[in-house]
C-alpha atoms as a PDB file:
ATOM      1  CA  MET A   1     104.059 101.089   6.282  1.00  0.00           C
ATOM      2  CA  ASN A   2     105.109 104.708   6.955  1.00  0.00           C
ATOM      3  CA  GLN A   3     104.808 105.655  10.581  1.00  0.00           C
ATOM      4  CA  THR A   4     105.519 109.273  11.960  1.00  0.00           C
ATOM      5  CA  ILE A   5     106.732 109.702  15.499  1.00  0.00           C
ATOM      6  CA  HIS A   6     106.094 113.308  17.037  1.00  0.00           C
ATOM      7  CA  SER A   7     108.966 115.087  17.696  1.00  0.00           C
ATOM      8  CA  THR A   8     110.055 118.629  18.821  1.00  0.00           C
ATOM      9  CA  LEU A   9     113.269 120.563  17.954  1.00  0.00           C
ATOM     10  CA  ASN A  10     114.786 121.273  21.091  1.00  0.00           C
ATOM     11  CA  HIS A  11     118.291 122.111  20.365  1.00  0.00           C
ATOM     12  CA  MET A  12     120.964 122.968  17.642  1.00  0.00           C
ATOM     13  CA  SER A  13     124.715 122.342  18.225  1.00  0.00           C
ATOM     14  CA  PHE A  14     127.508 124.406  16.472  1.00  0.00           C
ATOM     15  CA  PRO A  15     131.226 124.675  16.827  1.00  0.00           C
ATOM     16  CA  SER A  16     133.034 127.917  17.521  1.00  0.00           C
ATOM     17  CA  ARG A  17     136.535 128.863  17.682  1.00  0.00           C
ATOM     18  CA  ASP A  18     135.733 131.315  20.500  1.00  0.00           C
ATOM     19  CA  ALA A  19     132.554 130.083  22.474  1.00  0.00           C
ATOM     20  CA  VAL A  20     132.542 132.790  24.970  1.00  0.00           C
ATOM     21  CA  ALA A  21     132.567 135.460  22.213  1.00  0.00           C
ATOM     22  CA  THR A  22     129.946 133.776  20.169  1.00  0.00           C
ATOM     23  CA  ALA A  23     127.575 133.338  23.083  1.00  0.00           C
ATOM     24  CA  GLY A  24     128.235 136.856  24.343  1.00  0.00           C
ATOM     25  CA  PHE A  25     127.301 138.345  20.738  1.00  0.00           C
ATOM     26  CA  PHE A  26     123.809 136.533  20.908  1.00  0.00           C
ATOM     27  CA  GLU A  27     123.385 137.702  24.500  1.00  0.00           C
ATOM     28  CA  ARG A  28     124.460 141.367  23.849  1.00  0.00           C
ATOM     29  CA  TYR A  29     122.485 141.923  20.656  1.00  0.00           C
ATOM     30  CA  LEU A  30     119.644 139.334  20.515  1.00  0.00           C
ATOM     31  CA  GLY A  31     118.753 138.876  24.045  1.00  0.00           C
ATOM     32  CA  PHE A  32     119.751 135.288  24.527  1.00  0.00           C
ATOM     33  CA  ALA A  33     120.524 133.901  28.050  1.00  0.00           C
ATOM     34  CA  ILE A  34     123.813 132.155  28.587  1.00  0.00           C
ATOM     35  CA  SER A  35     124.503 128.851  30.426  1.00  0.00           C
ATOM     36  CA  PRO A  36     128.035 127.639  30.761  1.00  0.00           C
ATOM     37  CA  MET A  37     128.593 124.071  29.981  1.00  0.00           C
ATOM     38  CA  GLY A  38     132.174 123.209  30.420  1.00  0.00           C
ATOM     39  CA  THR A  39     134.031 125.320  28.061  1.00  0.00           C
ATOM     40  CA  SER A  40     130.903 125.458  25.779  1.00  0.00           C
ATOM     41  CA  ARG A  41     128.073 127.652  26.267  1.00  0.00           C
ATOM     42  CA  VAL A  42     124.299 127.116  25.760  1.00  0.00           C
ATOM     43  CA  LEU A  43     122.127 129.875  24.337  1.00  0.00           C
ATOM     44  CA  LYS A  44     118.412 129.982  25.621  1.00  0.00           C
ATOM     45  CA  LYS A  45     115.564 131.669  24.148  1.00  0.00           C
ATOM     46  CA  ASP A  46     111.962 130.997  23.188  1.00  0.00           C
ATOM     47  CA  GLY A  47     112.153 127.343  24.303  1.00  0.00           C
ATOM     48  CA  LEU A  48     115.301 126.572  22.176  1.00  0.00           C
ATOM     49  CA  ASP A  49     118.735 125.715  23.061  1.00  0.00           C
ATOM     50  CA  ILE A  50     121.869 126.538  20.866  1.00  0.00           C
ATOM     51  CA  VAL A  51     124.877 124.938  21.967  1.00  0.00           C
ATOM     52  CA  ILE A  52     128.060 126.573  21.112  1.00  0.00           C
ATOM     53  CA  GLU A  53     130.572 124.018  21.262  1.00  0.00           C
ATOM     54  CA  ASP A  54     134.163 125.015  22.222  1.00  0.00           C
ATOM     55  CA  ALA A  55     136.312 124.246  19.042  1.00  0.00           C
ATOM     56  CA  SER A  56     139.230 126.346  20.105  1.00  0.00           C
ATOM     57  CA  ASP A  57     141.522 123.243  19.684  1.00  0.00           C
ATOM     58  CA  ARG A  58     140.435 122.458  16.084  1.00  0.00           C
ATOM     59  CA  GLU A  59     139.662 124.149  12.681  1.00  0.00           C
ATOM     60  CA  VAL A  60     135.899 125.055  11.982  1.00  0.00           C
ATOM     61  CA  ASN A  61     135.033 124.971   8.260  1.00  0.00           C
ATOM     62  CA  TRP A  62     131.581 125.940   7.382  1.00  0.00           C
ATOM     63  CA  PRO A  63     130.035 125.063   4.103  1.00  0.00           C
ATOM     64  CA  HIS A  64     129.867 127.982   1.765  1.00  0.00           C
ATOM     65  CA  ASN A  65     126.304 129.275   2.605  1.00  0.00           C
ATOM     66  CA  PHE A  66     125.723 127.788   6.069  1.00  0.00           C
ATOM     67  CA  HIS A  67     124.172 130.372   8.367  1.00  0.00           C
ATOM     68  CA  ILE A  68     121.602 130.668  11.006  1.00  0.00           C
ATOM     69  CA  GLY A  69     118.766 133.109  11.154  1.00  0.00           C
ATOM     70  CA  VAL A  70     116.892 135.262  13.333  1.00  0.00           C
ATOM     71  CA  GLU A  71     113.641 137.331  12.787  1.00  0.00           C
ATOM     72  CA  LEU A  72     113.016 140.916  13.917  1.00  0.00           C
ATOM     73  CA  PRO A  73     109.535 142.409  13.766  1.00  0.00           C
ATOM     74  CA  THR A  74     110.001 145.392  11.450  1.00  0.00           C
ATOM     75  CA  VAL A  75     112.234 146.401   8.719  1.00  0.00           C
ATOM     76  CA  ASP A  76     113.143 149.423  10.908  1.00  0.00           C
ATOM     77  CA  ALA A  77     114.471 147.036  13.587  1.00  0.00           C
ATOM     78  CA  VAL A  78     116.681 145.459  10.942  1.00  0.00           C
ATOM     79  CA  HIS A  79     118.214 148.545   9.942  1.00  0.00           C
ATOM     80  CA  GLN A  80     118.751 149.585  13.431  1.00  0.00           C
ATOM     81  CA  LEU A  81     120.537 146.234  14.533  1.00  0.00           C
ATOM     82  CA  ARG A  82     122.670 146.635  11.496  1.00  0.00           C
ATOM     83  CA  ALA A  83     123.753 150.060  12.361  1.00  0.00           C
ATOM     84  CA  LEU A  84     124.532 149.108  16.025  1.00  0.00           C
ATOM     85  CA  LEU A  85     126.449 146.150  14.805  1.00  0.00           C
ATOM     86  CA  VAL A  86     128.469 148.357  12.598  1.00  0.00           C
ATOM     87  CA  SER A  87     129.076 150.848  15.221  1.00  0.00           C
ATOM     88  CA  GLN A  88     130.259 148.269  17.510  1.00  0.00           C
ATOM     89  CA  GLY A  89     132.823 147.075  14.922  1.00  0.00           C
ATOM     90  CA  GLU A  90     131.316 143.590  14.260  1.00  0.00           C
ATOM     91  CA  LYS A  91     131.913 142.189  10.491  1.00  0.00           C
ATOM     92  CA  MET A  92     129.307 142.664   8.242  1.00  0.00           C
ATOM     93  CA  GLU A  93     128.736 140.471   5.129  1.00  0.00           C
ATOM     94  CA  THR A  94     126.029 142.432   3.308  1.00  0.00           C
ATOM     95  CA  GLU A  95     124.041 145.843   3.408  1.00  0.00           C
ATOM     96  CA  VAL A  96     120.443 145.396   4.327  1.00  0.00           C
ATOM     97  CA  ILE A  97     118.954 143.480   1.391  1.00  0.00           C
ATOM     98  CA  GLY A  98     115.229 143.921  -0.102  1.00  0.00           C
ATOM     99  CA  HIS A  99     114.168 140.340  -0.556  1.00  0.00           C
ATOM    100  CA  ALA A 100     110.905 138.876  -1.833  1.00  0.00           C
ATOM    101  CA  ARG A 101     110.574 136.924   1.600  1.00  0.00           C
ATOM    102  CA  GLY A 102     111.512 140.087   3.682  1.00  0.00           C
ATOM    103  CA  SER A 103     114.598 142.330   4.169  1.00  0.00           C
ATOM    104  CA  ARG A 104     117.715 140.779   5.695  1.00  0.00           C
ATOM    105  CA  PHE A 105     121.497 141.451   6.052  1.00  0.00           C
ATOM    106  CA  PHE A 106     124.144 138.972   6.714  1.00  0.00           C
ATOM    107  CA  CYS A 107     127.028 139.379   9.464  1.00  0.00           C
ATOM    108  CA  TRP A 108     129.577 137.480  10.890  1.00  0.00           C
ATOM    109  CA  VAL A 109     129.473 136.315  14.706  1.00  0.00           C
ATOM    110  CA  PRO A 110     132.623 136.086  16.744  1.00  0.00           C
ATOM    111  CA  GLY A 111     133.876 132.599  16.385  1.00  0.00           C
ATOM    112  CA  GLY A 112     133.080 132.354  12.712  1.00  0.00           C
ATOM    113  CA  MET A 113     129.457 131.910  12.447  1.00  0.00           C
ATOM    114  CA  MET A 114     127.441 133.528   9.715  1.00  0.00           C
ATOM    115  CA  LEU A 115     124.228 135.121  10.958  1.00  0.00           C
ATOM    116  CA  GLU A 116     121.158 136.192   8.777  1.00  0.00           C
ATOM    117  CA  VAL A 117     118.948 139.010  10.485  1.00  0.00           C
ATOM    118  CA  ASN A 118     115.642 139.242   8.699  1.00  0.00           C
ATOM    119  CA  THR A 119     112.022 140.405   8.950  1.00  0.00           C
ATOM    120  CA  ARG A 120     109.073 139.123   7.220  1.00  0.00           C
ATOM    121  CA  ALA A 121     107.081 142.511   7.615  1.00  0.00           C
ATOM    122  CA  ASP A 122     107.824 143.475   4.157  1.00  0.00           C
ATOM    123  CA  ALA A 123     107.620 139.884   2.312  1.00  0.00           C
ATOM    124  CA  ASN A 124     105.740 139.899  -0.765  1.00  0.00           C
ATOM    125  CA  ASP A 125     102.259 138.626  -0.499  1.00  0.00           C
ATOM    126  CA  GLN A 126     102.913 135.266  -2.535  1.00  0.00           C
ATOM    127  CA  TYR A 127     105.077 134.205   0.496  1.00  0.00           C
ATOM    128  CA  ARG A 128     102.994 135.471   3.367  1.00  0.00           C
ATOM    129  CA  SER A 129     100.802 132.362   3.471  1.00  0.00           C
ATOM    130  CA  THR A 130     103.883 130.230   3.783  1.00  0.00           C
ATOM    131  CA  PHE A 131     104.680 131.589   7.177  1.00  0.00           C
ATOM    132  CA  LEU A 132     103.346 130.420  10.446  1.00  0.00           C
ATOM    133  CA  ARG A 133     101.229 133.261  12.149  1.00  0.00           C
ATOM    134  CA  GLN A 134     102.600 134.306  15.373  1.00  0.00           C
ATOM    135  CA  PRO A 135     100.165 135.053  18.122  1.00  0.00           C
ATOM    136  CA  ASP A 136     101.103 138.724  18.464  1.00  0.00           C
ATOM    137  CA  GLN A 137     100.864 139.290  14.606  1.00  0.00           C
ATOM    138  CA  PRO A 138      97.796 140.707  13.028  1.00  0.00           C
ATOM    139  CA  THR A 139      95.763 138.308  10.625  1.00  0.00           C
END
C-alpha cells in the first residue's frame, strides 16, 4: 500500500566558502532577510529558509549544472538586475537568454554558488499551464 504523508518544504541548506558574502548578495540584490546562526547564515523570504553553511574550512564542489533560481516579475526586471550586478562587479556566467520557459541569466554568488535569475512573463504558451498561478498574476 502506498501512503503519502503531507509535507511542506521549509528550508534548503547549501555550503559556501564565504557565508557572510553569500548571504549579503541575497540581501543586497534580492531582498532576503539574514539571521546569523553561528558562523553560518539563514536567508529568509516568502516563508522559505535557505541555510548558507559556513564551509570556509573545506572545499566546496558543486555538480556541473547545480544552481538555485529566483524569479522576477518582468523581462525588464531581469535585464535591470543583470545590469546592476555587472555594474557592481559581480561575476556573470551568461547574458540574458531568451528561453521557451522565460528569459533568464546565470551568475555567480560570492562563495561559489551559481544563481539563475529568470522570469516567466515571456514564457511560451505551451509552458504557461505548467506554472502555478500566483495571487497577483492575471489569469
